[in-house]
Amino acid sequence: MDWDWSFVWEILPALLQGVVITIKATILGTALALVLGLVFALLRRSRRRAVAVPVASLVEFVRGTPLLVQLYFLFYVLPDLGILLPPLGAGVIGFGVHYATYMSEVYRAGIDNVARGQWEAAKACNLTTAQTWRHIILPQAIPPMIPALANYFVAMFKETPLLSAITVLELMNQARSVANFNYRYLEPMTLVGAFFLAISLVSVAGLRMLERRYGRLN
């Protein structure tokens, strides 16, 4: 089968719509994961076992089950319980919660790396717990974590084709629809690979900048 440039220009708008949805899902999922990951990390450090143990169990459960199964549960099972989520919303929640469990470990390691003397100094200054976290611990813990946290952005982006399983018209699903309708697979699938490669290379370049500024990735 020969490469058909006229077909490429014909399907390009649909694929670009898929690119936009893919990037949107990745950005929203990453934002949710960053916030939830920090919440999980802080709750797991709670001195109350009634808080720390359930959160730790939830984190391990999510990490121990496939992301695809979690997406199916959110989109296909929850409606039976009366909770109906739009495809993109279910995808963002699924990605956000799943990656939050991994980011929580990055947060935990960064917090543990803050020198013990910083906690003691905050206590000596009569700072409250909230002030200690906000002004002393997190400003020192988070910057070294940024490259590792950003690395999950790239990982999430590469897993967005899973969203096609819950009918999200992201890049891969758009390409599959175009290919099936026209019975041509060479151009759509090649363009999918090109789009993913281009965006991944730009993201990796950004990661390298973060790595040089904040420290080497582990």
C-alpha atoms as a PDB file:
ATOM      1  CA  MET A   1       0.000   0.000   0.000  1.00  0.00           C
ATOM      2  CA  ASP A   2       1.475   3.356  -1.078  1.00  0.00           C
ATOM      3  CA  TRP A   3       1.553   6.432   1.109  1.00  0.00           C
ATOM      4  CA  ASP A   4      -1.283   8.815   0.171  1.00  0.00           C
ATOM      5  CA  TRP A   5      -0.625  12.437   1.089  1.00  0.00           C
ATOM      6  CA  SER A   6      -4.121  13.534   0.074  1.00  0.00           C
ATOM      7  CA  PHE A   7      -5.539  11.042   2.598  1.00  0.00           C
ATOM      8  CA  VAL A   8      -3.160  12.383   5.236  1.00  0.00           C
ATOM      9  CA  TRP A   9      -4.441  15.946   4.800  1.00  0.00           C
ATOM     10  CA  GLU A  10      -8.002  14.629   4.854  1.00  0.00           C
ATOM     11  CA  ILE A  11      -7.662  12.841   8.211  1.00  0.00           C
ATOM     12  CA  LEU A  12      -5.294  15.319   9.868  1.00  0.00           C
ATOM     13  CA  PRO A  13      -8.027  17.527  11.441  1.00  0.00           C
ATOM     14  CA  ALA A  14      -9.632  14.506  13.151  1.00  0.00           C
ATOM     15  CA  LEU A  15      -6.265  13.333  14.460  1.00  0.00           C
ATOM     16  CA  LEU A  16      -5.429  16.808  15.734  1.00  0.00           C
ATOM     17  CA  GLN A  17      -8.691  16.777  17.692  1.00  0.00           C
ATOM     18  CA  GLY A  18      -7.487  13.525  19.218  1.00  0.00           C
ATOM     19  CA  VAL A  19      -4.154  15.135  20.077  1.00  0.00           C
ATOM     20  CA  VAL A  20      -5.932  17.952  21.907  1.00  0.00           C
ATOM     21  CA  ILE A  21      -8.012  15.514  23.943  1.00  0.00           C
ATOM     22  CA  THR A  22      -4.934  13.403  24.694  1.00  0.00           C
ATOM     23  CA  ILE A  23      -2.991  16.394  25.983  1.00  0.00           C
ATOM     24  CA  LYS A  24      -6.003  17.664  27.924  1.00  0.00           C
ATOM     25  CA  ALA A  25      -6.474  14.290  29.626  1.00  0.00           C
ATOM     26  CA  THR A  26      -2.768  14.134  30.467  1.00  0.00           C
ATOM     27  CA  ILE A  27      -2.601  17.640  31.938  1.00  0.00           C
ATOM     28  CA  LEU A  28      -5.785  17.253  33.992  1.00  0.00           C
ATOM     29  CA  GLY A  29      -4.777  13.772  35.152  1.00  0.00           C
ATOM     30  CA  THR A  30      -1.335  15.011  36.172  1.00  0.00           C
ATOM     31  CA  ALA A  31      -2.795  17.966  38.080  1.00  0.00           C
ATOM     32  CA  LEU A  32      -5.140  15.652  39.978  1.00  0.00           C
ATOM     33  CA  ALA A  33      -2.324  13.179  40.658  1.00  0.00           C
ATOM     34  CA  LEU A  34      -0.039  15.913  42.008  1.00  0.00           C
ATOM     35  CA  VAL A  35      -2.645  17.084  44.507  1.00  0.00           C
ATOM     36  CA  LEU A  36      -3.888  13.638  45.538  1.00  0.00           C
ATOM     37  CA  GLY A  37      -0.353  12.288  45.747  1.00  0.00           C
ATOM     38  CA  LEU A  38       0.571  14.940  48.295  1.00  0.00           C
ATOM     39  CA  VAL A  39      -2.641  14.283  50.239  1.00  0.00           C
ATOM     40  CA  PHE A  40      -1.914  10.545  50.310  1.00  0.00           C
ATOM     41  CA  ALA A  41       1.668  11.150  51.452  1.00  0.00           C
ATOM     42  CA  LEU A  42       0.602  13.459  54.277  1.00  0.00           C
ATOM     43  CA  LEU A  43      -2.223  11.195  55.455  1.00  0.00           C
ATOM     44  CA  ARG A  44       0.085   8.186  55.511  1.00  0.00           C
ATOM     45  CA  ARG A  45       2.336  10.100  57.892  1.00  0.00           C
ATOM     46  CA  SER A  46      -0.537  10.670  60.310  1.00  0.00           C
ATOM     47  CA  ARG A  47       0.015   9.430  63.847  1.00  0.00           C
ATOM     48  CA  ARG A  48      -3.576   8.185  63.863  1.00  0.00           C
ATOM     49  CA  ARG A  49      -3.606   4.602  62.655  1.00  0.00           C
ATOM     50  CA  ALA A  50      -7.298   4.974  61.822  1.00  0.00           C
ATOM     51  CA  VAL A  51      -6.179   7.429  59.131  1.00  0.00           C
ATOM     52  CA  ALA A  52      -2.771   6.122  58.063  1.00  0.00           C
ATOM     53  CA  VAL A  53      -3.674   2.435  57.696  1.00  0.00           C
ATOM     54  CA  PRO A  54      -6.746   2.832  55.423  1.00  0.00           C
ATOM     55  CA  VAL A  55      -4.899   5.319  53.211  1.00  0.00           C
ATOM     56  CA  ALA A  56      -1.879   2.999  52.969  1.00  0.00           C
ATOM     57  CA  SER A  57      -4.199   0.114  52.085  1.00  0.00           C
ATOM     58  CA  LEU A  58      -5.924   2.189  49.412  1.00  0.00           C
ATOM     59  CA  VAL A  59      -2.585   3.198  47.897  1.00  0.00           C
ATOM     60  CA  GLU A  60      -1.342  -0.383  47.774  1.00  0.00           C
ATOM     61  CA  PHE A  61      -4.638  -1.608  46.318  1.00  0.00           C
ATOM     62  CA  VAL A  62      -4.589   0.962  43.514  1.00  0.00           C
ATOM     63  CA  ARG A  63      -0.931   0.298  42.760  1.00  0.00           C
ATOM     64  CA  GLY A  64      -1.566  -3.433  42.744  1.00  0.00           C
ATOM     65  CA  THR A  65      -4.389  -3.399  40.186  1.00  0.00           C
ATOM     66  CA  PRO A  66      -4.128  -2.579  36.467  1.00  0.00           C
ATOM     67  CA  LEU A  67      -5.036   0.902  35.323  1.00  0.00           C
ATOM     68  CA  LEU A  68      -7.258  -0.523  32.598  1.00  0.00           C
ATOM     69  CA  VAL A  69      -9.348  -2.393  35.181  1.00  0.00           C
ATOM     70  CA  GLN A  70      -9.722   0.804  37.203  1.00  0.00           C
ATOM     71  CA  LEU A  71     -10.902   2.701  34.113  1.00  0.00           C
ATOM     72  CA  TYR A  72     -13.454  -0.015  33.351  1.00  0.00           C
ATOM     73  CA  PHE A  73     -14.705   0.134  36.937  1.00  0.00           C
ATOM     74  CA  LEU A  74     -15.144   3.906  36.854  1.00  0.00           C
ATOM     75  CA  PHE A  75     -16.907   3.994  33.500  1.00  0.00           C
ATOM     76  CA  TYR A  76     -18.852   0.730  33.340  1.00  0.00           C
ATOM     77  CA  VAL A  77     -19.415  -0.382  36.947  1.00  0.00           C
ATOM     78  CA  LEU A  78     -20.155   2.886  38.761  1.00  0.00           C
ATOM     79  CA  PRO A  79     -23.253   3.591  36.592  1.00  0.00           C
ATOM     80  CA  ASP A  80     -24.790   0.420  38.073  1.00  0.00           C
ATOM     81  CA  LEU A  81     -24.316   2.086  41.467  1.00  0.00           C
ATOM     82  CA  GLY A  82     -25.968   5.277  40.313  1.00  0.00           C
ATOM     83  CA  ILE A  83     -22.758   7.200  39.575  1.00  0.00           C
ATOM     84  CA  LEU A  84     -22.496   8.219  35.929  1.00  0.00           C
ATOM     85  CA  LEU A  85     -19.261   9.809  34.755  1.00  0.00           C
ATOM     86  CA  PRO A  86     -18.532  11.250  31.302  1.00  0.00           C
ATOM     87  CA  PRO A  87     -15.807   9.335  29.423  1.00  0.00           C
ATOM     88  CA  LEU A  88     -13.147  12.022  29.772  1.00  0.00           C
ATOM     89  CA  GLY A  89     -14.046  12.642  33.410  1.00  0.00           C
ATOM     90  CA  ALA A  90     -13.734   8.950  34.218  1.00  0.00           C
ATOM     91  CA  GLY A  91     -10.407   8.860  32.407  1.00  0.00           C
ATOM     92  CA  VAL A  92      -9.001  11.863  34.252  1.00  0.00           C
ATOM     93  CA  ILE A  93     -10.091  10.470  37.626  1.00  0.00           C
ATOM     94  CA  GLY A  94      -8.692   7.053  36.785  1.00  0.00           C
ATOM     95  CA  PHE A  95      -5.334   8.415  35.675  1.00  0.00           C
ATOM     96  CA  GLY A  96      -5.197  10.913  38.530  1.00  0.00           C
ATOM     97  CA  VAL A  97      -5.884   8.405  41.295  1.00  0.00           C
ATOM     98  CA  HIS A  98      -3.660   5.733  39.769  1.00  0.00           C
ATOM     99  CA  TYR A  99      -0.623   7.976  39.354  1.00  0.00           C
ATOM    100  CA  ALA A 100      -1.257   9.724  42.666  1.00  0.00           C
ATOM    101  CA  THR A 101      -0.349   6.482  44.420  1.00  0.00           C
ATOM    102  CA  TYR A 102       3.060   6.506  42.724  1.00  0.00           C
ATOM    103  CA  MET A 103       3.610  10.214  43.222  1.00  0.00           C
ATOM    104  CA  SER A 104       2.830   9.802  46.922  1.00  0.00           C
ATOM    105  CA  GLU A 105       5.989   7.704  47.222  1.00  0.00           C
ATOM    106  CA  VAL A 106       8.002  10.476  45.570  1.00  0.00           C
ATOM    107  CA  TYR A 107       6.536  12.974  48.030  1.00  0.00           C
ATOM    108  CA  ARG A 108       7.267  10.628  50.925  1.00  0.00           C
ATOM    109  CA  ALA A 109      10.914  10.259  49.914  1.00  0.00           C
ATOM    110  CA  GLY A 110      11.305  14.013  49.452  1.00  0.00           C
ATOM    111  CA  ILE A 111       9.768  14.772  52.851  1.00  0.00           C
ATOM    112  CA  ASP A 112      11.953  12.161  54.550  1.00  0.00           C
ATOM    113  CA  ASN A 113      15.032  13.797  53.038  1.00  0.00           C
ATOM    114  CA  VAL A 114      14.383  17.069  54.852  1.00  0.00           C
ATOM    115  CA  ALA A 115      16.895  17.302  57.677  1.00  0.00           C
ATOM    116  CA  ARG A 116      15.547  16.483  61.128  1.00  0.00           C
ATOM    117  CA  GLY A 117      16.961  19.753  62.369  1.00  0.00           C
ATOM    118  CA  GLN A 118      14.427  21.645  60.272  1.00  0.00           C
ATOM    119  CA  TRP A 119      11.560  20.062  62.203  1.00  0.00           C
ATOM    120  CA  GLU A 120      13.267  20.861  65.492  1.00  0.00           C
ATOM    121  CA  ALA A 121      13.939  24.450  64.428  1.00  0.00           C
ATOM    122  CA  ALA A 122      10.275  24.913  63.510  1.00  0.00           C
ATOM    123  CA  LYS A 123       9.240  23.548  66.870  1.00  0.00           C
ATOM    124  CA  ALA A 124      11.697  25.854  68.636  1.00  0.00           C
ATOM    125  CA  CYS A 125      10.146  28.805  66.803  1.00  0.00           C
ATOM    126  CA  ASN A 126       6.703  27.781  68.088  1.00  0.00           C
ATOM    127  CA  LEU A 127       5.341  27.255  64.587  1.00  0.00           C
ATOM    128  CA  THR A 128       2.099  25.348  64.270  1.00  0.00           C
ATOM    129  CA  THR A 129       1.994  22.077  62.362  1.00  0.00           C
ATOM    130  CA  ALA A 130       0.383  23.788  59.376  1.00  0.00           C
ATOM    131  CA  GLN A 131       2.979  26.571  59.402  1.00  0.00           C
ATOM    132  CA  THR A 132       5.784  24.047  59.651  1.00  0.00           C
ATOM    133  CA  TRP A 133       4.558  22.165  56.606  1.00  0.00           C
ATOM    134  CA  ARG A 134       3.743  25.268  54.573  1.00  0.00           C
ATOM    135  CA  HIS A 135       6.785  27.403  55.319  1.00  0.00           C
ATOM    136  CA  ILE A 136       9.559  24.979  56.252  1.00  0.00           C
ATOM    137  CA  ILE A 137       9.109  21.385  55.075  1.00  0.00           C
ATOM    138  CA  LEU A 138       7.320  21.522  51.715  1.00  0.00           C
ATOM    139  CA  PRO A 139       9.372  24.430  50.274  1.00  0.00           C
ATOM    140  CA  GLN A 140      12.506  22.336  50.889  1.00  0.00           C
ATOM    141  CA  ALA A 141      11.059  18.934  49.972  1.00  0.00           C
ATOM    142  CA  ILE A 142       9.225  19.673  46.739  1.00  0.00           C
ATOM    143  CA  PRO A 143      11.879  21.248  44.439  1.00  0.00           C
ATOM    144  CA  PRO A 144      14.133  18.143  44.358  1.00  0.00           C
ATOM    145  CA  MET A 145      11.044  16.029  43.566  1.00  0.00           C
ATOM    146  CA  ILE A 146       9.999  18.036  40.510  1.00  0.00           C
ATOM    147  CA  PRO A 147      11.956  16.034  37.886  1.00  0.00           C
ATOM    148  CA  ALA A 148      10.658  12.715  39.207  1.00  0.00           C
ATOM    149  CA  LEU A 149       7.098  14.020  39.417  1.00  0.00           C
ATOM    150  CA  ALA A 150       7.304  15.454  35.908  1.00  0.00           C
ATOM    151  CA  ASN A 151       8.521  12.091  34.647  1.00  0.00           C
ATOM    152  CA  TYR A 152       5.094  10.672  35.488  1.00  0.00           C
ATOM    153  CA  PHE A 153       3.600  13.234  33.114  1.00  0.00           C
ATOM    154  CA  VAL A 154       5.385  11.538  30.217  1.00  0.00           C
ATOM    155  CA  ALA A 155       4.425   8.084  31.488  1.00  0.00           C
ATOM    156  CA  MET A 156       0.772   9.128  31.741  1.00  0.00           C
ATOM    157  CA  PHE A 157       0.837  10.607  28.250  1.00  0.00           C
ATOM    158  CA  LYS A 158       2.094   7.326  26.805  1.00  0.00           C
ATOM    159  CA  GLU A 159      -0.735   5.433  28.498  1.00  0.00           C
ATOM    160  CA  THR A 160      -3.548   7.609  27.161  1.00  0.00           C
ATOM    161  CA  PRO A 161      -4.422   5.036  24.445  1.00  0.00           C
ATOM    162  CA  LEU A 162      -6.031   3.083  27.300  1.00  0.00           C
ATOM    163  CA  LEU A 163      -8.739   5.753  27.325  1.00  0.00           C
ATOM    164  CA  SER A 164     -10.058   4.355  24.055  1.00  0.00           C
ATOM    165  CA  ALA A 165     -11.400   1.436  26.133  1.00  0.00           C
ATOM    166  CA  ILE A 166     -13.905   3.820  27.733  1.00  0.00           C
ATOM    167  CA  THR A 167     -14.852   5.552  24.456  1.00  0.00           C
ATOM    168  CA  VAL A 168     -12.702   8.678  24.897  1.00  0.00           C
ATOM    169  CA  LEU A 169     -11.882   9.983  21.418  1.00  0.00           C
ATOM    170  CA  GLU A 170      -8.222  10.526  22.160  1.00  0.00           C
ATOM    171  CA  LEU A 171      -5.528  10.231  19.488  1.00  0.00           C
ATOM    172  CA  MET A 172      -5.404   6.442  19.227  1.00  0.00           C
ATOM    173  CA  ASN A 173      -9.175   6.046  19.180  1.00  0.00           C
ATOM    174  CA  GLN A 174      -9.540   8.728  16.510  1.00  0.00           C
ATOM    175  CA  ALA A 175      -6.893   7.021  14.377  1.00  0.00           C
ATOM    176  CA  ARG A 176      -8.556   3.630  14.795  1.00  0.00           C
ATOM    177  CA  SER A 177     -11.935   5.069  13.807  1.00  0.00           C
ATOM    178  CA  VAL A 178     -10.489   6.743  10.723  1.00  0.00           C
ATOM    179  CA  ALA A 179      -8.586   3.613   9.739  1.00  0.00           C
ATOM    180  CA  ASN A 180     -11.575   1.307  10.174  1.00  0.00           C
ATOM    181  CA  PHE A 181     -13.883   3.633   8.233  1.00  0.00           C
ATOM    182  CA  ASN A 182     -11.495   4.029   5.281  1.00  0.00           C
ATOM    183  CA  TYR A 183      -9.824   0.615   5.452  1.00  0.00           C
ATOM    184  CA  ARG A 184      -6.441   2.330   5.414  1.00  0.00           C
ATOM    185  CA  TYR A 185      -4.135   1.872   8.392  1.00  0.00           C
ATOM    186  CA  LEU A 186      -0.710   2.969   7.142  1.00  0.00           C
ATOM    187  CA  GLU A 187      -1.234   6.722   7.342  1.00  0.00           C
ATOM    188  CA  PRO A 188      -3.334   6.960  10.548  1.00  0.00           C
ATOM    189  CA  MET A 189      -1.125   4.657  12.607  1.00  0.00           C
ATOM    190  CA  THR A 190       2.064   6.238  11.284  1.00  0.00           C
ATOM    191  CA  LEU A 191       0.781   9.687  12.217  1.00  0.00           C
ATOM    192  CA  VAL A 192      -0.157   8.429  15.692  1.00  0.00           C
ATOM    193  CA  GLY A 193       3.401   7.239  16.202  1.00  0.00           C
ATOM    194  CA  ALA A 194       4.768  10.536  14.880  1.00  0.00           C
ATOM    195  CA  PHE A 195       2.547  12.611  17.175  1.00  0.00           C
ATOM    196  CA  PHE A 196       3.423  10.561  20.240  1.00  0.00           C
ATOM    197  CA  LEU A 197       7.127  10.689  19.411  1.00  0.00           C
ATOM    198  CA  ALA A 198       7.126  14.458  18.813  1.00  0.00           C
ATOM    199  CA  ILE A 199       5.252  15.272  22.025  1.00  0.00           C
ATOM    200  CA  SER A 200       7.347  12.811  24.021  1.00  0.00           C
ATOM    201  CA  LEU A 201      10.578  14.362  22.742  1.00  0.00           C
ATOM    202  CA  VAL A 202       9.393  17.841  23.712  1.00  0.00           C
ATOM    203  CA  SER A 203       8.381  16.528  27.153  1.00  0.00           C
ATOM    204  CA  VAL A 204      11.709  14.765  27.639  1.00  0.00           C
ATOM    205  CA  ALA A 205      13.539  17.980  26.720  1.00  0.00           C
ATOM    206  CA  GLY A 206      11.526  19.753  29.405  1.00  0.00           C
ATOM    207  CA  LEU A 207      12.426  16.995  31.872  1.00  0.00           C
ATOM    208  CA  ARG A 208      16.106  17.441  31.126  1.00  0.00           C
ATOM    209  CA  MET A 209      15.789  21.145  31.908  1.00  0.00           C
ATOM    210  CA  LEU A 210      14.109  20.311  35.215  1.00  0.00           C
ATOM    211  CA  GLU A 211      16.781  17.720  35.923  1.00  0.00           C
ATOM    212  CA  ARG A 212      19.590  20.207  35.409  1.00  0.00           C
ATOM    213  CA  ARG A 213      17.864  22.768  37.616  1.00  0.00           C
ATOM    214  CA  TYR A 214      16.587  20.609  40.462  1.00  0.00           C
ATOM    215  CA  GLY A 215      18.819  17.567  40.484  1.00  0.00           C
ATOM    216  CA  ARG A 216      19.236  14.264  38.736  1.00  0.00           C
ATOM    217  CA  LEU A 217      16.337  11.862  38.266  1.00  0.00           C
ATOM    218  CA  ASN A 218      16.526   8.721  40.310  1.00  0.00           C
END
